[in-house]
Amino acid sequence: MLLALAWTRLRAEARALASERENFARSDRALEQEQAALVRREVDMQLDVAERKRVVLATQSAADRARANVGGYIARLKAEHAGRAPLVRLPPPPMTMGGGRIFPELMSDPEYNALYARRTRLWLESYRGGVLRGLGVSEEVVAKAVDLLAEEQTSLVDLQSLNAGKDYTKLRTQLQNETAAQLQALLGEETYKRYVGETEPVRGDARYATTSLERRLSYSVEPLTDEQKAQLRAYEAAQDYGSKEFFQKQAQIIREARKTGTIPVDEARLAFYRSVLTPQQMEAVDELHREAEAGLKRSLLPKYVEKKSAGGR
C-alpha cells in the first residue's frame, strides 16, 4: 500500500513538472513569435521608407551617411534573426549624426506600435511579473502592475520617436515618477519597497543570472530546487555587479583576452556551482559557459588576430 501511494505521488509530481516545463516552453514560443513579427514589420517599414526616399535630413552629406547606416542596420537585423530564435531586445533604429531618429514614423505606425507593445508586455510579464509573484502579489494585481510598466516603456519609446531633444530627460523623469506613484498605490508602500529592492541593479543582475540558468535547467532532467535557487541568488548578489571593482575585473579579463587570444575561466564561480549543482545540472552550466565564451571570442579575437597579422603589439 505504501509503495503504491509513493508511486502515485511520484507520478503526480512528474505530471506537474512536465506541465511546468510546457508552460515555460509555451511562454518562450509566444515571445519568439511576437519578436519575429516585430522584426519583420520593422524591416519592411525601413525598406519601404528607404526605397521611396522619405528620409528627411538637414544636408545631403548627412543623407548619404544615413542611407549607408540604414543599409547596414537592415543587414544586421536580418543576420541576427536568420535561422535562430530572435533576441529579446532589438537594436535601436539608426540615428543621424545629431542623434535624431532617422525613422520617426517607425514608432508612430499603429501596427508596429501594437507589436512592440505586445512584445514589451510579454517580457515584463516574464521578468517583473515573476518578481511580484515571488513577493506574494495576487495574479490580478500582477496583471495591473505589468500593464502600468508596459505603458511606461512604450511611452518612453514614443518620446524618443518624437525627437523631444532637451525636453526628453525631463519628460522621461516625469513619466517614471508618475508610474512609480501608481505602482506604490497599487502594491502598497511595504510591498512596493520590497519590489524596488528586488529589481535594483545588484539584485536584478543576480536574479537575472539565476533565472537564465533556471530557464535552461527547466528543459533538463533536473530543474533547480528552491534551495539551489536561494544559494545561487545569494552567490550572485555577493558579486557586486556595477561596483568599481567589478568593472575593473571585467576590464582586466578583456585586456588579457586581447593579449593572449583566450578567454580566462572563472574557476571560483565554477567551483561554487559544482558544490551546489548535480553533475547533470553542471552540463547545462558548462553549455552556458561555452556559449558565453564563443560570444566573447567572436567580439574580441578578430581584433586580436587582425592586430597580430599587421605586426601590432
C-alpha atoms as a PDB file:
ATOM      1  CA  MET A   1       0.000   0.000   0.000  1.00  0.00           C
ATOM      2  CA  LEU A   2       2.757   2.451   0.947  1.00  0.00           C
ATOM      3  CA  LEU A   3       4.624   1.606  -2.251  1.00  0.00           C
ATOM      4  CA  ALA A   4       1.501   2.265  -4.312  1.00  0.00           C
ATOM      5  CA  LEU A   5       0.956   5.624  -2.588  1.00  0.00           C
ATOM      6  CA  ALA A   6       4.584   6.613  -3.168  1.00  0.00           C
ATOM      7  CA  TRP A   7       4.320   5.619  -6.822  1.00  0.00           C
ATOM      8  CA  THR A   8       1.110   7.651  -7.226  1.00  0.00           C
ATOM      9  CA  ARG A   9       2.772  10.688  -5.610  1.00  0.00           C
ATOM     10  CA  LEU A  10       5.814  10.383  -7.893  1.00  0.00           C
ATOM     11  CA  ARG A  11       3.591  10.200 -10.972  1.00  0.00           C
ATOM     12  CA  ALA A  12       1.667  13.295  -9.849  1.00  0.00           C
ATOM     13  CA  GLU A  13       4.918  15.206  -9.292  1.00  0.00           C
ATOM     14  CA  ALA A  14       6.194  14.109 -12.712  1.00  0.00           C
ATOM     15  CA  ARG A  15       2.985  15.352 -14.358  1.00  0.00           C
ATOM     16  CA  ALA A  16       3.255  18.700 -12.541  1.00  0.00           C
ATOM     17  CA  LEU A  17       6.891  19.059 -13.617  1.00  0.00           C
ATOM     18  CA  ALA A  18       6.023  18.250 -17.229  1.00  0.00           C
ATOM     19  CA  SER A  19       3.224  20.826 -17.127  1.00  0.00           C
ATOM     20  CA  GLU A  20       5.594  23.477 -15.752  1.00  0.00           C
ATOM     21  CA  ARG A  21       8.147  22.760 -18.485  1.00  0.00           C
ATOM     22  CA  GLU A  22       5.431  23.035 -21.119  1.00  0.00           C
ATOM     23  CA  ASN A  23       4.363  26.413 -19.688  1.00  0.00           C
ATOM     24  CA  PHE A  24       7.972  27.651 -19.879  1.00  0.00           C
ATOM     25  CA  ALA A  25       8.250  26.444 -23.480  1.00  0.00           C
ATOM     26  CA  ARG A  26       4.875  27.978 -24.426  1.00  0.00           C
ATOM     27  CA  SER A  27       5.903  31.333 -22.941  1.00  0.00           C
ATOM     28  CA  ASP A  28       9.208  31.270 -24.845  1.00  0.00           C
ATOM     29  CA  ARG A  29       7.476  30.376 -28.121  1.00  0.00           C
ATOM     30  CA  ALA A  30       4.961  33.203 -27.713  1.00  0.00           C
ATOM     31  CA  LEU A  31       7.752  35.680 -27.038  1.00  0.00           C
ATOM     32  CA  GLU A  32       9.712  34.471 -30.073  1.00  0.00           C
ATOM     33  CA  GLN A  33       6.652  34.761 -32.345  1.00  0.00           C
ATOM     34  CA  GLU A  34       5.922  38.311 -31.204  1.00  0.00           C
ATOM     35  CA  GLN A  35       9.588  39.229 -31.621  1.00  0.00           C
ATOM     36  CA  ALA A  36       9.754  37.763 -35.135  1.00  0.00           C
ATOM     37  CA  ALA A  37       6.618  39.674 -36.175  1.00  0.00           C
ATOM     38  CA  LEU A  38       8.072  42.869 -34.726  1.00  0.00           C
ATOM     39  CA  VAL A  39      11.348  42.431 -36.607  1.00  0.00           C
ATOM     40  CA  ARG A  40       9.560  41.677 -39.892  1.00  0.00           C
ATOM     41  CA  ARG A  41       7.409  44.780 -39.545  1.00  0.00           C
ATOM     42  CA  GLU A  42      10.400  46.966 -38.705  1.00  0.00           C
ATOM     43  CA  VAL A  43      12.475  45.701 -41.632  1.00  0.00           C
ATOM     44  CA  ASP A  44       9.533  46.042 -44.041  1.00  0.00           C
ATOM     45  CA  MET A  45       8.890  49.618 -42.957  1.00  0.00           C
ATOM     46  CA  GLN A  46      12.528  50.619 -43.200  1.00  0.00           C
ATOM     47  CA  LEU A  47      12.910  49.080 -46.649  1.00  0.00           C
ATOM     48  CA  ASP A  48       9.746  50.852 -47.772  1.00  0.00           C
ATOM     49  CA  VAL A  49      10.924  54.195 -46.397  1.00  0.00           C
ATOM     50  CA  ALA A  50      14.375  53.800 -47.940  1.00  0.00           C
ATOM     51  CA  GLU A  51      13.014  52.799 -51.351  1.00  0.00           C
ATOM     52  CA  ARG A  52      10.655  55.777 -51.543  1.00  0.00           C
ATOM     53  CA  LYS A  53      13.335  58.154 -50.222  1.00  0.00           C
ATOM     54  CA  ARG A  54      11.173  59.614 -47.479  1.00  0.00           C
ATOM     55  CA  VAL A  55      14.129  60.276 -45.212  1.00  0.00           C
ATOM     56  CA  VAL A  56      14.230  63.985 -44.374  1.00  0.00           C
ATOM     57  CA  LEU A  57      17.620  65.220 -43.177  1.00  0.00           C
ATOM     58  CA  ALA A  58      19.291  68.585 -42.886  1.00  0.00           C
ATOM     59  CA  THR A  59      22.070  68.213 -45.509  1.00  0.00           C
ATOM     60  CA  GLN A  60      22.848  65.992 -48.477  1.00  0.00           C
ATOM     61  CA  SER A  61      26.021  64.671 -46.834  1.00  0.00           C
ATOM     62  CA  ALA A  62      24.042  63.677 -43.747  1.00  0.00           C
ATOM     63  CA  ALA A  63      21.518  61.947 -46.001  1.00  0.00           C
ATOM     64  CA  ASP A  64      24.292  59.934 -47.679  1.00  0.00           C
ATOM     65  CA  ARG A  65      25.628  58.819 -44.323  1.00  0.00           C
ATOM     66  CA  ALA A  66      22.131  57.929 -43.160  1.00  0.00           C
ATOM     67  CA  ARG A  67      21.430  55.772 -46.239  1.00  0.00           C
ATOM     68  CA  ALA A  68      24.603  53.798 -45.609  1.00  0.00           C
ATOM     69  CA  ASN A  69      23.574  53.472 -41.974  1.00  0.00           C
ATOM     70  CA  VAL A  70      20.140  52.166 -42.963  1.00  0.00           C
ATOM     71  CA  GLY A  71      21.609  49.502 -45.241  1.00  0.00           C
ATOM     72  CA  GLY A  72      23.931  48.268 -42.521  1.00  0.00           C
ATOM     73  CA  TYR A  73      21.162  48.284 -39.932  1.00  0.00           C
ATOM     74  CA  ILE A  74      18.796  46.209 -42.075  1.00  0.00           C
ATOM     75  CA  ALA A  75      21.575  43.750 -42.953  1.00  0.00           C
ATOM     76  CA  ARG A  76      22.440  43.421 -39.258  1.00  0.00           C
ATOM     77  CA  LEU A  77      18.813  42.784 -38.326  1.00  0.00           C
ATOM     78  CA  LYS A  78      18.489  40.069 -40.972  1.00  0.00           C
ATOM     79  CA  ALA A  79      21.770  38.435 -39.925  1.00  0.00           C
ATOM     80  CA  GLU A  80      20.888  38.447 -36.221  1.00  0.00           C
ATOM     81  CA  HIS A  81      17.468  36.909 -36.741  1.00  0.00           C
ATOM     82  CA  ALA A  82      18.226  34.453 -39.557  1.00  0.00           C
ATOM     83  CA  GLY A  83      17.934  30.814 -38.615  1.00  0.00           C
ATOM     84  CA  ARG A  84      17.655  31.202 -34.851  1.00  0.00           C
ATOM     85  CA  ALA A  85      15.353  32.494 -32.133  1.00  0.00           C
ATOM     86  CA  PRO A  86      15.035  36.298 -32.081  1.00  0.00           C
ATOM     87  CA  LEU A  87      16.764  38.341 -29.421  1.00  0.00           C
ATOM     88  CA  VAL A  88      14.654  39.678 -26.571  1.00  0.00           C
ATOM     89  CA  ARG A  89      15.970  43.200 -27.133  1.00  0.00           C
ATOM     90  CA  LEU A  90      16.009  44.785 -30.580  1.00  0.00           C
ATOM     91  CA  PRO A  91      18.887  47.039 -31.586  1.00  0.00           C
ATOM     92  CA  PRO A  92      17.609  50.631 -31.794  1.00  0.00           C
ATOM     93  CA  PRO A  93      16.848  52.188 -35.190  1.00  0.00           C
ATOM     94  CA  PRO A  94      19.807  54.041 -36.757  1.00  0.00           C
ATOM     95  CA  MET A  95      20.383  57.664 -35.789  1.00  0.00           C
ATOM     96  CA  THR A  96      21.634  60.761 -37.569  1.00  0.00           C
ATOM     97  CA  MET A  97      24.934  62.371 -36.641  1.00  0.00           C
ATOM     98  CA  GLY A  98      22.989  64.760 -34.418  1.00  0.00           C
ATOM     99  CA  GLY A  99      21.335  61.900 -32.568  1.00  0.00           C
ATOM    100  CA  GLY A 100      17.841  62.169 -34.091  1.00  0.00           C
ATOM    101  CA  ARG A 101      15.960  59.071 -35.214  1.00  0.00           C
ATOM    102  CA  ILE A 102      16.091  58.522 -38.964  1.00  0.00           C
ATOM    103  CA  PHE A 103      12.616  56.985 -38.945  1.00  0.00           C
ATOM    104  CA  PRO A 104      10.334  58.880 -36.564  1.00  0.00           C
ATOM    105  CA  GLU A 105       7.408  57.296 -38.432  1.00  0.00           C
ATOM    106  CA  LEU A 106       8.586  53.848 -37.288  1.00  0.00           C
ATOM    107  CA  MET A 107       7.158  54.189 -33.781  1.00  0.00           C
ATOM    108  CA  SER A 108       4.131  56.196 -34.910  1.00  0.00           C
ATOM    109  CA  ASP A 109       3.000  53.327 -37.160  1.00  0.00           C
ATOM    110  CA  PRO A 110      -0.027  51.725 -35.398  1.00  0.00           C
ATOM    111  CA  GLU A 111       0.799  48.144 -36.439  1.00  0.00           C
ATOM    112  CA  TYR A 112       4.436  48.393 -35.361  1.00  0.00           C
ATOM    113  CA  ASN A 113       3.447  50.070 -32.109  1.00  0.00           C
ATOM    114  CA  ALA A 114       0.970  47.288 -31.335  1.00  0.00           C
ATOM    115  CA  LEU A 115       3.615  44.628 -31.998  1.00  0.00           C
ATOM    116  CA  TYR A 116       6.145  46.485 -29.862  1.00  0.00           C
ATOM    117  CA  ALA A 117       3.657  46.856 -27.014  1.00  0.00           C
ATOM    118  CA  ARG A 118       2.786  43.143 -27.051  1.00  0.00           C
ATOM    119  CA  ARG A 119       6.444  42.104 -27.101  1.00  0.00           C
ATOM    120  CA  THR A 120       7.242  44.523 -24.259  1.00  0.00           C
ATOM    121  CA  ARG A 121       4.375  43.218 -22.137  1.00  0.00           C
ATOM    122  CA  LEU A 122       5.461  39.601 -22.659  1.00  0.00           C
ATOM    123  CA  TRP A 123       8.984  40.427 -21.484  1.00  0.00           C
ATOM    124  CA  LEU A 124       7.720  42.342 -18.438  1.00  0.00           C
ATOM    125  CA  GLU A 125       5.260  39.559 -17.624  1.00  0.00           C
ATOM    126  CA  SER A 126       8.127  37.055 -17.625  1.00  0.00           C
ATOM    127  CA  TYR A 127      10.619  39.101 -15.575  1.00  0.00           C
ATOM    128  CA  ARG A 128       8.835  41.703 -13.417  1.00  0.00           C
ATOM    129  CA  GLY A 129       5.747  39.532 -13.075  1.00  0.00           C
ATOM    130  CA  GLY A 130       7.921  36.778 -11.616  1.00  0.00           C
ATOM    131  CA  VAL A 131       9.373  39.212  -9.068  1.00  0.00           C
ATOM    132  CA  LEU A 132       5.898  40.332  -7.981  1.00  0.00           C
ATOM    133  CA  ARG A 133       4.614  36.767  -7.656  1.00  0.00           C
ATOM    134  CA  GLY A 134       7.643  35.959  -5.516  1.00  0.00           C
ATOM    135  CA  LEU A 135       6.517  38.749  -3.168  1.00  0.00           C
ATOM    136  CA  GLY A 136       3.100  37.131  -2.807  1.00  0.00           C
ATOM    137  CA  VAL A 137       1.177  39.564  -5.035  1.00  0.00           C
ATOM    138  CA  SER A 138      -2.091  38.219  -6.491  1.00  0.00           C
ATOM    139  CA  GLU A 139      -2.431  37.499 -10.222  1.00  0.00           C
ATOM    140  CA  GLU A 140      -4.971  40.306 -10.653  1.00  0.00           C
ATOM    141  CA  VAL A 141      -2.602  42.892  -9.163  1.00  0.00           C
ATOM    142  CA  VAL A 142       0.360  41.455 -11.118  1.00  0.00           C
ATOM    143  CA  ALA A 143      -1.565  41.963 -14.375  1.00  0.00           C
ATOM    144  CA  LYS A 144      -2.354  45.593 -13.477  1.00  0.00           C
ATOM    145  CA  ALA A 145       1.271  46.273 -12.479  1.00  0.00           C
ATOM    146  CA  VAL A 146       2.595  44.780 -15.726  1.00  0.00           C
ATOM    147  CA  ASP A 147       0.124  46.951 -17.669  1.00  0.00           C
ATOM    148  CA  LEU A 148       1.498  50.059 -15.921  1.00  0.00           C
ATOM    149  CA  LEU A 149       5.120  49.082 -16.619  1.00  0.00           C
ATOM    150  CA  ALA A 150       4.383  48.234 -20.264  1.00  0.00           C
ATOM    151  CA  GLU A 151       2.621  51.571 -20.751  1.00  0.00           C
ATOM    152  CA  GLU A 152       5.665  53.338 -19.303  1.00  0.00           C
ATOM    153  CA  GLN A 153       8.061  51.537 -21.674  1.00  0.00           C
ATOM    154  CA  THR A 154       6.016  52.204 -24.812  1.00  0.00           C
ATOM    155  CA  SER A 155       5.509  55.839 -23.795  1.00  0.00           C
ATOM    156  CA  LEU A 156       9.276  56.291 -23.381  1.00  0.00           C
ATOM    157  CA  VAL A 157       9.817  54.986 -26.909  1.00  0.00           C
ATOM    158  CA  ASP A 158       7.104  57.343 -28.161  1.00  0.00           C
ATOM    159  CA  LEU A 159       9.011  60.243 -26.588  1.00  0.00           C
ATOM    160  CA  GLN A 160      12.175  59.141 -28.384  1.00  0.00           C
ATOM    161  CA  SER A 161      10.378  58.912 -31.723  1.00  0.00           C
ATOM    162  CA  LEU A 162       9.089  62.478 -31.270  1.00  0.00           C
ATOM    163  CA  ASN A 163      12.710  63.626 -31.031  1.00  0.00           C
ATOM    164  CA  ALA A 164      11.949  65.611 -27.888  1.00  0.00           C
ATOM    165  CA  GLY A 165      15.569  66.779 -27.571  1.00  0.00           C
ATOM    166  CA  LYS A 166      16.352  68.614 -24.325  1.00  0.00           C
ATOM    167  CA  ASP A 167      12.821  68.036 -23.055  1.00  0.00           C
ATOM    168  CA  TYR A 168      13.198  64.234 -23.278  1.00  0.00           C
ATOM    169  CA  THR A 169      15.037  63.817 -19.958  1.00  0.00           C
ATOM    170  CA  LYS A 170      12.512  65.992 -18.138  1.00  0.00           C
ATOM    171  CA  LEU A 171       9.531  64.181 -19.673  1.00  0.00           C
ATOM    172  CA  ARG A 172      11.096  60.758 -19.020  1.00  0.00           C
ATOM    173  CA  THR A 173      11.679  61.583 -15.339  1.00  0.00           C
ATOM    174  CA  GLN A 174       8.127  62.875 -15.011  1.00  0.00           C
ATOM    175  CA  LEU A 175       6.710  59.715 -16.606  1.00  0.00           C
ATOM    176  CA  GLN A 176       8.829  57.417 -14.419  1.00  0.00           C
ATOM    177  CA  ASN A 177       7.778  59.283 -11.269  1.00  0.00           C
ATOM    178  CA  GLU A 178       4.112  59.005 -12.238  1.00  0.00           C
ATOM    179  CA  THR A 179       4.454  55.260 -12.873  1.00  0.00           C
ATOM    180  CA  ALA A 180       6.262  54.786  -9.546  1.00  0.00           C
ATOM    181  CA  ALA A 181       3.455  56.601  -7.706  1.00  0.00           C
ATOM    182  CA  GLN A 182       0.808  54.448  -9.425  1.00  0.00           C
ATOM    183  CA  LEU A 183       2.715  51.257  -8.607  1.00  0.00           C
ATOM    184  CA  GLN A 184       3.070  52.273  -4.964  1.00  0.00           C
ATOM    185  CA  ALA A 185      -0.660  52.964  -4.739  1.00  0.00           C
ATOM    186  CA  LEU A 186      -1.412  49.599  -6.379  1.00  0.00           C
ATOM    187  CA  LEU A 187       1.016  47.446  -4.367  1.00  0.00           C
ATOM    188  CA  GLY A 188       1.024  49.269  -1.062  1.00  0.00           C
ATOM    189  CA  GLU A 189       4.020  51.028   0.445  1.00  0.00           C
ATOM    190  CA  GLU A 190       5.664  47.987   2.067  1.00  0.00           C
ATOM    191  CA  THR A 191       5.323  45.674  -0.966  1.00  0.00           C
ATOM    192  CA  TYR A 192       6.479  48.464  -3.277  1.00  0.00           C
ATOM    193  CA  LYS A 193       9.660  48.943  -1.218  1.00  0.00           C
ATOM    194  CA  ARG A 194      10.374  45.214  -1.420  1.00  0.00           C
ATOM    195  CA  TYR A 195       9.712  45.259  -5.184  1.00  0.00           C
ATOM    196  CA  VAL A 196      12.160  48.138  -5.687  1.00  0.00           C
ATOM    197  CA  GLY A 197      14.744  46.289  -3.599  1.00  0.00           C
ATOM    198  CA  GLU A 198      14.346  43.133  -5.688  1.00  0.00           C
ATOM    199  CA  THR A 199      14.705  44.987  -9.010  1.00  0.00           C
ATOM    200  CA  GLU A 200      17.535  47.409  -8.223  1.00  0.00           C
ATOM    201  CA  PRO A 201      20.702  46.705 -10.279  1.00  0.00           C
ATOM    202  CA  VAL A 202      22.652  44.385  -7.945  1.00  0.00           C
ATOM    203  CA  ARG A 203      19.692  42.191  -7.019  1.00  0.00           C
ATOM    204  CA  GLY A 204      18.289  42.476 -10.544  1.00  0.00           C
ATOM    205  CA  ASP A 205      21.513  41.202 -12.110  1.00  0.00           C
ATOM    206  CA  ALA A 206      21.729  38.407  -9.533  1.00  0.00           C
ATOM    207  CA  ARG A 207      18.114  37.429 -10.218  1.00  0.00           C
ATOM    208  CA  TYR A 208      18.676  37.538 -13.998  1.00  0.00           C
ATOM    209  CA  ALA A 209      21.829  35.383 -13.769  1.00  0.00           C
ATOM    210  CA  THR A 210      19.960  32.781 -11.708  1.00  0.00           C
ATOM    211  CA  THR A 211      16.849  32.967 -13.915  1.00  0.00           C
ATOM    212  CA  SER A 212      18.914  32.307 -17.067  1.00  0.00           C
ATOM    213  CA  LEU A 213      20.274  29.123 -15.529  1.00  0.00           C
ATOM    214  CA  GLU A 214      16.844  28.223 -14.161  1.00  0.00           C
ATOM    215  CA  ARG A 215      15.279  28.511 -17.608  1.00  0.00           C
ATOM    216  CA  ARG A 216      17.999  26.383 -19.171  1.00  0.00           C
ATOM    217  CA  LEU A 217      17.576  23.715 -16.497  1.00  0.00           C
ATOM    218  CA  SER A 218      13.776  23.788 -16.771  1.00  0.00           C
ATOM    219  CA  TYR A 219      14.153  21.813 -20.012  1.00  0.00           C
ATOM    220  CA  SER A 220      16.605  19.320 -18.481  1.00  0.00           C
ATOM    221  CA  VAL A 221      16.098  16.258 -16.330  1.00  0.00           C
ATOM    222  CA  GLU A 222      16.827  18.131 -13.092  1.00  0.00           C
ATOM    223  CA  PRO A 223      15.365  21.631 -12.658  1.00  0.00           C
ATOM    224  CA  LEU A 224      16.724  23.779  -9.827  1.00  0.00           C
ATOM    225  CA  THR A 225      15.255  23.197  -6.386  1.00  0.00           C
ATOM    226  CA  ASP A 226      14.144  26.138  -4.226  1.00  0.00           C
ATOM    227  CA  GLU A 227      17.205  25.621  -2.018  1.00  0.00           C
ATOM    228  CA  GLN A 228      19.546  25.704  -5.032  1.00  0.00           C
ATOM    229  CA  LYS A 229      17.879  28.880  -6.341  1.00  0.00           C
ATOM    230  CA  ALA A 230      18.370  30.583  -2.979  1.00  0.00           C
ATOM    231  CA  GLN A 231      22.052  29.557  -2.835  1.00  0.00           C
ATOM    232  CA  LEU A 232      22.751  30.693  -6.403  1.00  0.00           C
ATOM    233  CA  ARG A 233      20.963  34.008  -5.959  1.00  0.00           C
ATOM    234  CA  ALA A 234      22.851  34.731  -2.740  1.00  0.00           C
ATOM    235  CA  TYR A 235      26.141  33.972  -4.502  1.00  0.00           C
ATOM    236  CA  GLU A 236      25.313  36.191  -7.492  1.00  0.00           C
ATOM    237  CA  ALA A 237      24.169  39.036  -5.229  1.00  0.00           C
ATOM    238  CA  ALA A 238      27.558  38.944  -3.496  1.00  0.00           C
ATOM    239  CA  GLN A 239      29.402  39.600  -6.771  1.00  0.00           C
ATOM    240  CA  ASP A 240      28.987  43.399  -6.520  1.00  0.00           C
ATOM    241  CA  TYR A 241      27.584  43.893 -10.024  1.00  0.00           C
ATOM    242  CA  GLY A 242      28.014  47.526 -11.035  1.00  0.00           C
ATOM    243  CA  SER A 243      30.734  48.304  -8.484  1.00  0.00           C
ATOM    244  CA  LYS A 244      34.070  49.859  -9.409  1.00  0.00           C
ATOM    245  CA  GLU A 245      35.885  46.621  -8.514  1.00  0.00           C
ATOM    246  CA  PHE A 246      33.532  44.582 -10.724  1.00  0.00           C
ATOM    247  CA  PHE A 247      34.180  46.752 -13.787  1.00  0.00           C
ATOM    248  CA  GLN A 248      37.930  46.733 -13.104  1.00  0.00           C
ATOM    249  CA  LYS A 249      37.857  42.933 -13.037  1.00  0.00           C
ATOM    250  CA  GLN A 250      35.897  42.820 -16.313  1.00  0.00           C
ATOM    251  CA  ALA A 251      38.342  45.244 -17.953  1.00  0.00           C
ATOM    252  CA  GLN A 252      41.262  43.056 -16.839  1.00  0.00           C
ATOM    253  CA  ILE A 253      39.600  39.980 -18.375  1.00  0.00           C
ATOM    254  CA  ILE A 254      39.166  41.800 -21.695  1.00  0.00           C
ATOM    255  CA  ARG A 255      42.765  43.034 -21.678  1.00  0.00           C
ATOM    256  CA  GLU A 256      44.060  39.513 -21.048  1.00  0.00           C
ATOM    257  CA  ALA A 257      41.831  38.111 -23.793  1.00  0.00           C
ATOM    258  CA  ARG A 258      43.183  40.620 -26.294  1.00  0.00           C
ATOM    259  CA  LYS A 259      46.774  39.814 -25.336  1.00  0.00           C
ATOM    260  CA  THR A 260      46.549  36.027 -25.292  1.00  0.00           C
ATOM    261  CA  GLY A 261      43.648  35.248 -27.621  1.00  0.00           C
ATOM    262  CA  THR A 262      41.986  33.072 -24.950  1.00  0.00           C
ATOM    263  CA  ILE A 263      39.122  33.691 -22.538  1.00  0.00           C
ATOM    264  CA  PRO A 264      40.012  33.049 -18.867  1.00  0.00           C
ATOM    265  CA  VAL A 265      37.756  30.687 -16.922  1.00  0.00           C
ATOM    266  CA  ASP A 266      36.228  31.898 -13.658  1.00  0.00           C
ATOM    267  CA  GLU A 267      37.362  28.938 -11.580  1.00  0.00           C
ATOM    268  CA  ALA A 268      35.848  30.297  -8.355  1.00  0.00           C
ATOM    269  CA  ARG A 269      32.373  30.520  -9.915  1.00  0.00           C
ATOM    270  CA  LEU A 270      32.609  27.057 -11.457  1.00  0.00           C
ATOM    271  CA  ALA A 271      33.822  25.597  -8.155  1.00  0.00           C
ATOM    272  CA  PHE A 272      30.827  27.113  -6.360  1.00  0.00           C
ATOM    273  CA  TYR A 273      28.427  25.778  -8.997  1.00  0.00           C
ATOM    274  CA  ARG A 274      29.933  22.297  -8.654  1.00  0.00           C
ATOM    275  CA  SER A 275      29.351  22.437  -4.894  1.00  0.00           C
ATOM    276  CA  VAL A 276      25.659  23.295  -5.354  1.00  0.00           C
ATOM    277  CA  LEU A 277      24.570  21.554  -8.569  1.00  0.00           C
ATOM    278  CA  THR A 278      24.408  17.915  -9.614  1.00  0.00           C
ATOM    279  CA  PRO A 279      26.615  16.559 -12.458  1.00  0.00           C
ATOM    280  CA  GLN A 280      23.649  16.634 -14.850  1.00  0.00           C
ATOM    281  CA  GLN A 281      22.899  20.255 -13.961  1.00  0.00           C
ATOM    282  CA  MET A 282      26.569  21.147 -14.407  1.00  0.00           C
ATOM    283  CA  GLU A 283      26.300  20.043 -18.044  1.00  0.00           C
ATOM    284  CA  ALA A 284      23.870  22.941 -18.592  1.00  0.00           C
ATOM    285  CA  VAL A 285      26.253  25.325 -16.799  1.00  0.00           C
ATOM    286  CA  ASP A 286      29.142  24.170 -18.999  1.00  0.00           C
ATOM    287  CA  GLU A 287      26.984  24.738 -22.076  1.00  0.00           C
ATOM    288  CA  LEU A 288      26.133  28.285 -20.964  1.00  0.00           C
ATOM    289  CA  HIS A 289      29.838  28.946 -20.325  1.00  0.00           C
ATOM    290  CA  ARG A 290      30.761  27.683 -23.802  1.00  0.00           C
ATOM    291  CA  GLU A 291      28.135  29.943 -25.374  1.00  0.00           C
ATOM    292  CA  ALA A 292      29.410  32.978 -23.435  1.00  0.00           C
ATOM    293  CA  GLU A 293      32.998  32.139 -24.331  1.00  0.00           C
ATOM    294  CA  ALA A 294      32.104  31.794 -28.016  1.00  0.00           C
ATOM    295  CA  GLY A 295      30.376  35.196 -27.927  1.00  0.00           C
ATOM    296  CA  LEU A 296      33.396  36.859 -26.331  1.00  0.00           C
ATOM    297  CA  LYS A 297      35.728  35.242 -28.837  1.00  0.00           C
ATOM    298  CA  ARG A 298      33.593  36.468 -31.729  1.00  0.00           C
ATOM    299  CA  SER A 299      33.846  40.027 -30.436  1.00  0.00           C
ATOM    300  CA  LEU A 300      37.485  40.016 -29.301  1.00  0.00           C
ATOM    301  CA  LEU A 301      39.523  37.527 -31.292  1.00  0.00           C
ATOM    302  CA  PRO A 302      39.032  39.010 -34.794  1.00  0.00           C
ATOM    303  CA  LYS A 303      40.578  42.262 -33.499  1.00  0.00           C
ATOM    304  CA  TYR A 304      43.360  40.268 -31.834  1.00  0.00           C
ATOM    305  CA  VAL A 305      44.141  38.258 -34.992  1.00  0.00           C
ATOM    306  CA  GLU A 306      43.976  41.336 -37.217  1.00  0.00           C
ATOM    307  CA  LYS A 307      46.350  43.238 -34.935  1.00  0.00           C
ATOM    308  CA  LYS A 308      48.823  40.332 -34.762  1.00  0.00           C
ATOM    309  CA  SER A 309      48.776  39.805 -38.532  1.00  0.00           C
ATOM    310  CA  ALA A 310      49.501  43.503 -39.023  1.00  0.00           C
ATOM    311  CA  GLY A 311      52.532  43.219 -36.745  1.00  0.00           C
ATOM    312  CA  GLY A 312      50.980  45.204 -33.917  1.00  0.00           C
ATOM    313  CA  ARG A 313      51.749  44.725 -30.257  1.00  0.00           C
END
